[in-house]
Amino acid sequence: MVGERAASARRGVTALLVGVAVAVPAGCGMLEEQRFERSAASMEQVARTVREDDDPTRRPREIGSLAFEDVYRDGDRVYFMLGEVIEGVDPYGYAYSPNERPVDHDDSDSVDSAFEHIRGPWYHWSDTY
């Protein structure tokens, strides 16, 4: 009887831990999306004013509810880098592209860029080297 209770309790704890392991990443993603929605208007203001030749030390790091490692313009697109998968490699974040849908891969270089449309001119962005 005690052995059955212990086994039942272990199954319950295991089910709880699996539920937490699934819910926490989903909740973190939702939190980031909510922070993006609250920050999008401020990010757009920055995107409209940042220039390619801006001093990197003067670029805003915190915009709305989000903190960025870098914000920079490349042509008509502005990148809001949240981080890198490994330091110095594979950056990711948001891209503001008001004039055209970004292309996922450019055969002219060694970078695979991926863009997932969020809404309007906004995209999730990541580069893989």
N, C-alpha and C. Protein backbone atom coordinates (compact mmCIF):
# COMPACT_ATOMS: atom_id res chain seq x y z
N MET A 1 0.82 -1.19 0.00
CA MET A 1 0.00 0.00 0.00
C MET A 1 0.87 1.27 0.00
N VAL A 2 1.89 1.28 0.87
CA VAL A 2 2.77 2.44 0.93
C VAL A 2 3.53 2.57 -0.38
N GLY A 3 3.94 1.41 -0.95
CA GLY A 3 4.66 1.42 -2.22
C GLY A 3 3.79 1.98 -3.34
N GLU A 4 2.50 1.66 -3.33
CA GLU A 4 1.59 2.19 -4.36
C GLU A 4 1.43 3.70 -4.21
N ARG A 5 1.33 4.19 -2.99
CA ARG A 5 1.22 5.63 -2.75
C ARG A 5 2.47 6.37 -3.22
N ALA A 6 3.64 5.79 -2.91
CA ALA A 6 4.89 6.41 -3.33
C ALA A 6 4.99 6.45 -4.86
N ALA A 7 4.61 5.36 -5.51
CA ALA A 7 4.64 5.33 -6.98
C ALA A 7 3.66 6.33 -7.56
N SER A 8 2.49 6.43 -6.96
CA SER A 8 1.49 7.39 -7.42
C SER A 8 1.99 8.82 -7.22
N ALA A 9 2.62 9.08 -6.09
CA ALA A 9 3.16 10.41 -5.83
C ALA A 9 4.27 10.75 -6.82
N ARG A 10 5.13 9.78 -7.14
CA ARG A 10 6.20 10.02 -8.12
C ARG A 10 5.62 10.35 -9.49
N ARG A 11 4.56 9.61 -9.89
CA ARG A 11 3.90 9.89 -11.17
C ARG A 11 3.30 11.29 -11.17
N GLY A 12 2.70 11.69 -10.04
CA GLY A 12 2.12 13.03 -9.94
C GLY A 12 3.17 14.11 -10.03
N VAL A 13 4.29 13.91 -9.34
CA VAL A 13 5.39 14.89 -9.39
C VAL A 13 5.96 14.94 -10.81
N THR A 14 6.13 13.79 -11.43
CA THR A 14 6.65 13.75 -12.80
C THR A 14 5.72 14.50 -13.75
N ALA A 15 4.43 14.29 -13.64
CA ALA A 15 3.46 14.98 -14.49
C ALA A 15 3.52 16.49 -14.25
N LEU A 16 3.66 16.89 -13.01
CA LEU A 16 3.76 18.31 -12.68
C LEU A 16 5.01 18.92 -13.29
N LEU A 17 6.15 18.24 -13.17
CA LEU A 17 7.40 18.76 -13.72
C LEU A 17 7.34 18.85 -15.24
N VAL A 18 6.74 17.87 -15.89
CA VAL A 18 6.58 17.93 -17.35
C VAL A 18 5.70 19.11 -17.72
N GLY A 19 4.64 19.34 -16.98
CA GLY A 19 3.76 20.47 -17.25
C GLY A 19 4.48 21.80 -17.10
N VAL A 20 5.30 21.92 -16.06
CA VAL A 20 6.07 23.15 -15.86
C VAL A 20 7.09 23.32 -16.97
N ALA A 21 7.76 22.23 -17.37
CA ALA A 21 8.77 22.31 -18.42
C ALA A 21 8.17 22.76 -19.75
N VAL A 22 6.93 22.41 -20.00
CA VAL A 22 6.26 22.83 -21.23
C VAL A 22 5.72 24.24 -21.09
N ALA A 23 5.16 24.59 -19.95
CA ALA A 23 4.50 25.88 -19.77
C ALA A 23 5.48 27.04 -19.66
N VAL A 24 6.63 26.85 -19.02
CA VAL A 24 7.55 27.96 -18.81
C VAL A 24 8.07 28.52 -20.12
N PRO A 25 8.60 27.70 -21.05
CA PRO A 25 9.05 28.30 -22.32
C PRO A 25 7.91 28.96 -23.09
N ALA A 26 6.74 28.36 -23.09
CA ALA A 26 5.61 28.97 -23.79
C ALA A 26 5.25 30.30 -23.15
N GLY A 27 5.28 30.36 -21.84
CA GLY A 27 4.97 31.59 -21.14
C GLY A 27 6.01 32.66 -21.39
N CYS A 28 7.29 32.27 -21.45
CA CYS A 28 8.36 33.24 -21.74
C CYS A 28 8.19 33.81 -23.12
N GLY A 29 7.84 32.97 -24.10
CA GLY A 29 7.60 33.45 -25.46
C GLY A 29 6.44 34.42 -25.49
N MET A 30 5.40 34.12 -24.76
CA MET A 30 4.24 35.00 -24.70
C MET A 30 4.63 36.33 -24.06
N LEU A 31 5.43 36.27 -23.02
CA LEU A 31 5.87 37.50 -22.36
C LEU A 31 6.67 38.37 -23.33
N GLU A 32 7.56 37.76 -24.11
CA GLU A 32 8.34 38.54 -25.07
C GLU A 32 7.43 39.15 -26.13
N GLU A 33 6.45 38.42 -26.59
CA GLU A 33 5.52 38.96 -27.59
C GLU A 33 4.72 40.12 -27.02
N GLN A 34 4.31 40.03 -25.77
CA GLN A 34 3.59 41.13 -25.14
C GLN A 34 4.50 42.35 -25.00
N ARG A 35 5.77 42.11 -24.64
CA ARG A 35 6.71 43.21 -24.53
C ARG A 35 6.95 43.84 -25.89
N PHE A 36 7.00 43.02 -26.95
CA PHE A 36 7.15 43.57 -28.29
C PHE A 36 5.96 44.45 -28.64
N GLU A 37 4.75 43.97 -28.39
CA GLU A 37 3.55 44.75 -28.72
C GLU A 37 3.55 46.09 -27.99
N ARG A 38 3.99 46.11 -26.74
CA ARG A 38 4.04 47.36 -25.99
C ARG A 38 5.17 48.27 -26.47
N SER A 39 6.18 47.70 -27.12
CA SER A 39 7.36 48.46 -27.53
C SER A 39 7.36 48.84 -29.00
N ALA A 40 6.51 48.26 -29.81
CA ALA A 40 6.57 48.41 -31.27
C ALA A 40 6.51 49.87 -31.72
N ALA A 41 5.67 50.68 -31.13
CA ALA A 41 5.57 52.08 -31.55
C ALA A 41 6.86 52.84 -31.28
N SER A 42 7.46 52.62 -30.11
CA SER A 42 8.74 53.27 -29.79
C SER A 42 9.85 52.74 -30.69
N MET A 43 9.83 51.45 -30.98
CA MET A 43 10.83 50.87 -31.87
C MET A 43 10.71 51.47 -33.27
N GLU A 44 9.49 51.68 -33.72
CA GLU A 44 9.29 52.28 -35.04
C GLU A 44 9.85 53.70 -35.09
N GLN A 45 9.68 54.46 -34.02
CA GLN A 45 10.25 55.82 -33.97
C GLN A 45 11.77 55.76 -34.11
N VAL A 46 12.39 54.82 -33.43
CA VAL A 46 13.84 54.66 -33.54
C VAL A 46 14.21 54.23 -34.95
N ALA A 47 13.46 53.28 -35.51
CA ALA A 47 13.76 52.78 -36.86
C ALA A 47 13.71 53.89 -37.89
N ARG A 48 12.82 54.83 -37.71
CA ARG A 48 12.69 55.94 -38.67
C ARG A 48 13.84 56.95 -38.55
N THR A 49 14.54 56.97 -37.43
CA THR A 49 15.57 57.98 -37.22
C THR A 49 17.00 57.44 -37.26
N VAL A 50 17.21 56.15 -37.00
CA VAL A 50 18.57 55.61 -36.98
C VAL A 50 19.16 55.63 -38.39
N ARG A 51 20.45 56.01 -38.46
CA ARG A 51 21.13 56.08 -39.76
C ARG A 51 22.26 55.05 -39.79
N GLU A 52 22.69 54.68 -40.99
CA GLU A 52 23.76 53.68 -41.11
C GLU A 52 25.05 54.15 -40.49
N ASP A 53 25.32 55.44 -40.50
CA ASP A 53 26.59 55.94 -39.98
C ASP A 53 26.50 56.42 -38.53
N ASP A 54 25.42 56.07 -37.83
CA ASP A 54 25.30 56.46 -36.41
C ASP A 54 26.40 55.79 -35.59
N ASP A 55 26.87 56.50 -34.61
CA ASP A 55 27.86 55.98 -33.67
C ASP A 55 27.20 54.86 -32.85
N PRO A 56 27.79 53.66 -32.86
CA PRO A 56 27.17 52.54 -32.13
C PRO A 56 26.99 52.80 -30.64
N THR A 57 27.82 53.64 -30.05
CA THR A 57 27.68 53.91 -28.62
C THR A 57 26.48 54.80 -28.32
N ARG A 58 25.93 55.44 -29.37
CA ARG A 58 24.80 56.35 -29.16
C ARG A 58 23.47 55.67 -29.47
N ARG A 59 23.49 54.46 -29.96
CA ARG A 59 22.25 53.77 -30.30
C ARG A 59 21.52 53.37 -29.03
N PRO A 60 20.23 53.50 -29.02
CA PRO A 60 19.48 53.12 -27.81
C PRO A 60 19.57 51.63 -27.55
N ARG A 61 19.67 51.27 -26.32
CA ARG A 61 19.72 49.87 -25.93
C ARG A 61 18.39 49.40 -25.36
N GLU A 62 17.70 50.26 -24.66
CA GLU A 62 16.39 49.93 -24.12
C GLU A 62 15.35 50.76 -24.84
N ILE A 63 14.41 50.07 -25.43
CA ILE A 63 13.33 50.74 -26.16
C ILE A 63 12.03 50.12 -25.67
N GLY A 64 11.16 50.93 -25.11
CA GLY A 64 9.92 50.39 -24.57
C GLY A 64 10.23 49.38 -23.48
N SER A 65 9.68 48.19 -23.61
CA SER A 65 9.87 47.13 -22.61
C SER A 65 10.98 46.15 -22.97
N LEU A 66 11.73 46.43 -24.05
CA LEU A 66 12.75 45.50 -24.51
C LEU A 66 14.14 46.11 -24.42
N ALA A 67 15.13 45.28 -24.16
CA ALA A 67 16.53 45.70 -24.13
C ALA A 67 17.25 45.02 -25.30
N PHE A 68 18.03 45.80 -26.04
CA PHE A 68 18.70 45.29 -27.23
C PHE A 68 20.21 45.40 -27.07
N GLU A 69 20.92 44.41 -27.61
CA GLU A 69 22.38 44.46 -27.63
C GLU A 69 22.86 45.42 -28.71
N ASP A 70 22.09 45.58 -29.77
CA ASP A 70 22.46 46.49 -30.85
C ASP A 70 21.21 46.87 -31.63
N VAL A 71 21.24 48.06 -32.19
CA VAL A 71 20.20 48.55 -33.10
C VAL A 71 20.94 49.21 -34.25
N TYR A 72 20.72 48.72 -35.47
CA TYR A 72 21.46 49.29 -36.59
C TYR A 72 20.66 49.21 -37.88
N ARG A 73 21.00 50.10 -38.80
CA ARG A 73 20.36 50.15 -40.12
C ARG A 73 21.27 49.49 -41.14
N ASP A 74 20.66 48.73 -42.04
CA ASP A 74 21.34 48.16 -43.20
C ASP A 74 20.43 48.42 -44.39
N GLY A 75 20.72 49.45 -45.15
CA GLY A 75 19.84 49.85 -46.24
C GLY A 75 18.54 50.41 -45.68
N ASP A 76 17.41 49.89 -46.18
CA ASP A 76 16.12 50.39 -45.67
C ASP A 76 15.59 49.53 -44.52
N ARG A 77 16.38 48.58 -44.07
CA ARG A 77 15.99 47.69 -42.99
C ARG A 77 16.72 48.06 -41.71
N VAL A 78 16.02 47.99 -40.56
CA VAL A 78 16.63 48.26 -39.27
C VAL A 78 16.53 46.99 -38.43
N TYR A 79 17.65 46.62 -37.84
CA TYR A 79 17.74 45.40 -37.02
C TYR A 79 17.79 45.78 -35.54
N PHE A 80 17.00 45.08 -34.75
CA PHE A 80 16.97 45.23 -33.30
C PHE A 80 17.45 43.90 -32.73
N MET A 81 18.74 43.83 -32.41
CA MET A 81 19.33 42.57 -31.98
C MET A 81 19.12 42.33 -30.49
N LEU A 82 18.39 41.26 -30.18
CA LEU A 82 18.15 40.89 -28.78
C LEU A 82 19.35 40.15 -28.19
N GLY A 83 20.03 39.35 -29.02
CA GLY A 83 21.15 38.57 -28.52
C GLY A 83 21.77 37.73 -29.61
N GLU A 84 22.61 36.79 -29.17
CA GLU A 84 23.27 35.85 -30.06
C GLU A 84 23.16 34.47 -29.46
N VAL A 85 23.04 33.46 -30.33
CA VAL A 85 22.93 32.08 -29.84
C VAL A 85 24.21 31.71 -29.09
N ILE A 86 25.34 32.02 -29.69
CA ILE A 86 26.66 31.87 -29.07
C ILE A 86 27.32 33.23 -29.22
N GLU A 87 28.07 33.67 -28.22
CA GLU A 87 28.65 35.01 -28.28
C GLU A 87 29.40 35.23 -29.59
N GLY A 88 28.99 36.26 -30.31
CA GLY A 88 29.62 36.61 -31.57
C GLY A 88 29.08 35.85 -32.78
N VAL A 89 28.14 34.94 -32.55
CA VAL A 89 27.63 34.10 -33.65
C VAL A 89 26.11 34.02 -33.59
N ASP A 90 25.49 34.02 -34.75
CA ASP A 90 24.06 33.77 -34.91
C ASP A 90 23.17 34.75 -34.14
N PRO A 91 23.20 36.03 -34.54
CA PRO A 91 22.34 37.02 -33.88
C PRO A 91 20.86 36.81 -34.21
N TYR A 92 20.01 37.32 -33.31
CA TYR A 92 18.56 37.22 -33.52
C TYR A 92 17.88 38.41 -32.88
N GLY A 93 16.64 38.65 -33.31
CA GLY A 93 15.86 39.75 -32.75
C GLY A 93 14.71 40.10 -33.67
N TYR A 94 14.54 41.40 -33.92
CA TYR A 94 13.46 41.90 -34.76
C TYR A 94 14.05 42.69 -35.92
N ALA A 95 13.36 42.68 -37.03
CA ALA A 95 13.75 43.51 -38.17
C ALA A 95 12.55 44.36 -38.57
N TYR A 96 12.84 45.61 -38.88
CA TYR A 96 11.84 46.55 -39.38
C TYR A 96 12.14 46.75 -40.86
N SER A 97 11.22 46.32 -41.71
CA SER A 97 11.43 46.40 -43.16
C SER A 97 10.17 46.97 -43.80
N PRO A 98 10.07 48.30 -43.89
CA PRO A 98 8.83 48.93 -44.35
C PRO A 98 8.59 48.86 -45.85
N ASN A 99 9.63 48.63 -46.65
CA ASN A 99 9.47 48.71 -48.10
C ASN A 99 9.35 47.38 -48.82
N GLU A 100 9.83 46.30 -48.20
CA GLU A 100 9.75 45.00 -48.86
C GLU A 100 9.87 43.88 -47.84
N ARG A 101 9.34 42.73 -48.23
CA ARG A 101 9.48 41.55 -47.39
C ARG A 101 10.93 41.06 -47.51
N PRO A 102 11.61 40.88 -46.38
CA PRO A 102 13.00 40.41 -46.45
C PRO A 102 13.10 39.00 -47.04
N VAL A 103 14.21 38.73 -47.71
CA VAL A 103 14.47 37.42 -48.30
C VAL A 103 15.18 36.56 -47.27
N ASP A 104 14.74 35.31 -47.15
CA ASP A 104 15.33 34.42 -46.14
C ASP A 104 16.79 34.09 -46.39
N HIS A 105 17.19 33.93 -47.62
CA HIS A 105 18.57 33.52 -47.90
C HIS A 105 19.10 34.30 -49.08
N ASP A 106 20.31 34.76 -48.96
CA ASP A 106 20.97 35.49 -50.04
C ASP A 106 22.18 34.67 -50.48
N ASP A 107 22.18 34.18 -51.72
CA ASP A 107 23.27 33.34 -52.22
C ASP A 107 24.59 34.09 -52.34
N SER A 108 24.57 35.41 -52.22
CA SER A 108 25.79 36.19 -52.42
C SER A 108 26.72 36.19 -51.20
N ASP A 109 26.27 35.69 -50.06
CA ASP A 109 27.15 35.67 -48.90
C ASP A 109 26.98 34.36 -48.13
N SER A 110 27.70 34.24 -47.03
CA SER A 110 27.70 32.99 -46.26
C SER A 110 26.71 33.01 -45.11
N VAL A 111 25.81 33.95 -45.10
CA VAL A 111 24.84 34.08 -44.01
C VAL A 111 23.47 33.60 -44.46
N ASP A 112 22.86 32.74 -43.66
CA ASP A 112 21.47 32.37 -43.87
C ASP A 112 20.64 33.23 -42.93
N SER A 113 19.84 34.11 -43.49
CA SER A 113 18.94 34.93 -42.67
C SER A 113 17.55 34.34 -42.75
N ALA A 114 16.86 34.34 -41.63
CA ALA A 114 15.48 33.87 -41.59
C ALA A 114 14.61 34.99 -41.05
N PHE A 115 13.48 35.21 -41.71
CA PHE A 115 12.54 36.25 -41.30
C PHE A 115 11.16 35.64 -41.19
N GLU A 116 10.51 35.86 -40.06
CA GLU A 116 9.14 35.39 -39.84
C GLU A 116 8.27 36.62 -39.61
N HIS A 117 7.26 36.79 -40.45
CA HIS A 117 6.42 37.98 -40.38
C HIS A 117 5.63 38.02 -39.08
N ILE A 118 5.64 39.16 -38.42
CA ILE A 118 4.84 39.37 -37.22
C ILE A 118 3.57 40.13 -37.62
N ARG A 119 3.77 41.35 -38.11
CA ARG A 119 2.67 42.18 -38.61
C ARG A 119 3.27 43.42 -39.25
N GLY A 120 2.57 44.00 -40.20
CA GLY A 120 3.05 45.23 -40.85
C GLY A 120 4.49 45.09 -41.31
N PRO A 121 5.35 46.04 -40.94
CA PRO A 121 6.74 45.99 -41.37
C PRO A 121 7.66 45.20 -40.43
N TRP A 122 7.09 44.47 -39.46
CA TRP A 122 7.87 43.81 -38.42
C TRP A 122 8.05 42.32 -38.68
N TYR A 123 9.28 41.85 -38.38
CA TYR A 123 9.65 40.44 -38.58
C TYR A 123 10.51 39.97 -37.42
N HIS A 124 10.33 38.69 -37.05
CA HIS A 124 11.34 38.03 -36.22
C HIS A 124 12.50 37.76 -37.16
N TRP A 125 13.72 37.93 -36.68
CA TRP A 125 14.88 37.77 -37.54
C TRP A 125 15.96 36.96 -36.84
N SER A 126 16.66 36.11 -37.60
CA SER A 126 17.84 35.42 -37.08
C SER A 126 18.80 35.18 -38.24
N ASP A 127 20.09 35.21 -37.93
CA ASP A 127 21.14 34.89 -38.90
C ASP A 127 21.86 33.64 -38.43
N THR A 128 22.25 32.81 -39.38
CA THR A 128 23.03 31.62 -39.10
C THR A 128 24.26 31.66 -39.99
N TYR A 129 25.42 31.57 -39.40
CA TYR A 129 26.67 31.59 -40.15
C TYR A 129 27.21 30.20 -40.33
